[in-house]
Amino acid sequence: MDQSDREGSGRPQEDTMFADDGHYRGAHSLIQSQIGKHLRAAYDDVVNEPVPQRFIELLEQLERSSQKTRRS
């Protein structure tokens, strides 16, 4: 459907389900919804993973280092 088809429909253009650029108006919100759904799923997976032992060791090393600095 092109611009001329919408204009010839007898309905005001703002009442159509197509935006001025010819895209379906609901497509943007549908895409955003799907992106959000997939991001939440990926984030949930990451949040539920255990902290790698190497990260724990590095945090402990940093903590010991900062304690030594405060004592000096």
C-alpha atoms as a PDB file:
ATOM      1  CA  MET A   1       0.000   0.000   0.000  1.00  0.00           C
ATOM      2  CA  ASP A   2       1.504   3.343  -0.990  1.00  0.00           C
ATOM      3  CA  GLN A   3       0.722   6.945  -0.025  1.00  0.00           C
ATOM      4  CA  SER A   4      -1.832   7.411  -2.846  1.00  0.00           C
ATOM      5  CA  ASP A   5      -3.802   4.327  -1.739  1.00  0.00           C
ATOM      6  CA  ARG A   6      -4.150   5.667   1.784  1.00  0.00           C
ATOM      7  CA  GLU A   7      -5.104   9.152   0.651  1.00  0.00           C
ATOM      8  CA  GLY A   8      -7.802   7.795  -1.658  1.00  0.00           C
ATOM      9  CA  SER A   9      -9.465   5.730   1.060  1.00  0.00           C
ATOM     10  CA  GLY A  10     -11.780   8.519   2.190  1.00  0.00           C
ATOM     11  CA  ARG A  11     -10.435   8.338   5.724  1.00  0.00           C
ATOM     12  CA  PRO A  12      -8.151  10.951   7.271  1.00  0.00           C
ATOM     13  CA  GLN A  13      -4.569   9.724   7.048  1.00  0.00           C
ATOM     14  CA  GLU A  14      -4.076   9.850  10.854  1.00  0.00           C
ATOM     15  CA  ASP A  15      -6.854   7.258  11.227  1.00  0.00           C
ATOM     16  CA  THR A  16      -4.999   4.679   9.171  1.00  0.00           C
ATOM     17  CA  MET A  17      -2.773   2.105  10.781  1.00  0.00           C
ATOM     18  CA  PHE A  18       0.197   3.273   8.712  1.00  0.00           C
ATOM     19  CA  ALA A  19       2.545   6.107   9.606  1.00  0.00           C
ATOM     20  CA  ASP A  20       3.645   8.740   7.084  1.00  0.00           C
ATOM     21  CA  ASP A  21       6.685   6.648   6.184  1.00  0.00           C
ATOM     22  CA  GLY A  22       4.462   3.723   5.159  1.00  0.00           C
ATOM     23  CA  HIS A  23       5.373   1.502   8.121  1.00  0.00           C
ATOM     24  CA  TYR A  24       2.786  -0.091  10.304  1.00  0.00           C
ATOM     25  CA  ARG A  25       2.483   2.057  13.450  1.00  0.00           C
ATOM     26  CA  GLY A  26       2.473  -0.925  15.784  1.00  0.00           C
ATOM     27  CA  ALA A  27       5.736  -2.320  14.436  1.00  0.00           C
ATOM     28  CA  HIS A  28       7.931  -0.033  16.532  1.00  0.00           C
ATOM     29  CA  SER A  29       6.264  -0.943  19.822  1.00  0.00           C
ATOM     30  CA  LEU A  30       6.200  -4.635  18.855  1.00  0.00           C
ATOM     31  CA  ILE A  31       9.920  -4.573  18.105  1.00  0.00           C
ATOM     32  CA  GLN A  32      10.675  -2.769  21.374  1.00  0.00           C
ATOM     33  CA  SER A  33       8.589  -5.299  23.260  1.00  0.00           C
ATOM     34  CA  GLN A  34      10.441  -8.231  21.692  1.00  0.00           C
ATOM     35  CA  ILE A  35      13.847  -6.645  22.352  1.00  0.00           C
ATOM     36  CA  GLY A  36      12.870  -6.055  25.972  1.00  0.00           C
ATOM     37  CA  LYS A  37      11.653  -9.628  26.365  1.00  0.00           C
ATOM     38  CA  HIS A  38      14.922 -11.054  25.028  1.00  0.00           C
ATOM     39  CA  LEU A  39      17.086  -8.672  27.073  1.00  0.00           C
ATOM     40  CA  ARG A  40      15.235  -9.612  30.276  1.00  0.00           C
ATOM     41  CA  ALA A  41      15.664 -13.309  29.510  1.00  0.00           C
ATOM     42  CA  ALA A  42      19.397 -12.879  28.856  1.00  0.00           C
ATOM     43  CA  TYR A  43      19.837 -10.715  31.952  1.00  0.00           C
ATOM     44  CA  ASP A  44      17.977 -13.224  34.132  1.00  0.00           C
ATOM     45  CA  ASP A  45      20.315 -15.973  32.946  1.00  0.00           C
ATOM     46  CA  VAL A  46      23.405 -13.888  33.768  1.00  0.00           C
ATOM     47  CA  VAL A  47      22.108 -12.815  37.183  1.00  0.00           C
ATOM     48  CA  ASN A  48      21.464 -16.411  38.187  1.00  0.00           C
ATOM     49  CA  GLU A  49      24.963 -17.589  37.243  1.00  0.00           C
ATOM     50  CA  PRO A  50      27.429 -18.047  40.109  1.00  0.00           C
ATOM     51  CA  VAL A  51      30.249 -15.542  40.492  1.00  0.00           C
ATOM     52  CA  PRO A  52      33.415 -17.014  38.950  1.00  0.00           C
ATOM     53  CA  GLN A  53      36.018 -18.035  41.524  1.00  0.00           C
ATOM     54  CA  ARG A  54      38.610 -15.785  39.870  1.00  0.00           C
ATOM     55  CA  PHE A  55      36.393 -12.738  40.487  1.00  0.00           C
ATOM     56  CA  ILE A  56      35.989 -13.711  44.138  1.00  0.00           C
ATOM     57  CA  GLU A  57      39.766 -14.042  44.492  1.00  0.00           C
ATOM     58  CA  LEU A  58      40.330 -10.647  42.882  1.00  0.00           C
ATOM     59  CA  LEU A  59      37.771  -9.011  45.176  1.00  0.00           C
ATOM     60  CA  GLU A  60      39.390 -10.577  48.236  1.00  0.00           C
ATOM     61  CA  GLN A  61      42.813  -9.379  47.049  1.00  0.00           C
ATOM     62  CA  LEU A  62      41.461  -5.863  46.549  1.00  0.00           C
ATOM     63  CA  GLU A  63      39.882  -5.894  50.002  1.00  0.00           C
ATOM     64  CA  ARG A  64      43.146  -6.998  51.653  1.00  0.00           C
ATOM     65  CA  SER A  65      45.042  -4.336  49.749  1.00  0.00           C
ATOM     66  CA  SER A  66      42.641  -1.570  50.788  1.00  0.00           C
ATOM     67  CA  GLN A  67      42.798  -2.716  54.450  1.00  0.00           C
ATOM     68  CA  LYS A  68      46.599  -2.481  54.388  1.00  0.00           C
ATOM     69  CA  THR A  69      46.384   1.019  52.909  1.00  0.00           C
ATOM     70  CA  ARG A  70      43.993   2.194  55.669  1.00  0.00           C
ATOM     71  CA  ARG A  71      46.271   0.841  58.414  1.00  0.00           C
ATOM     72  CA  SER A  72      49.297   2.735  57.081  1.00  0.00           C
END
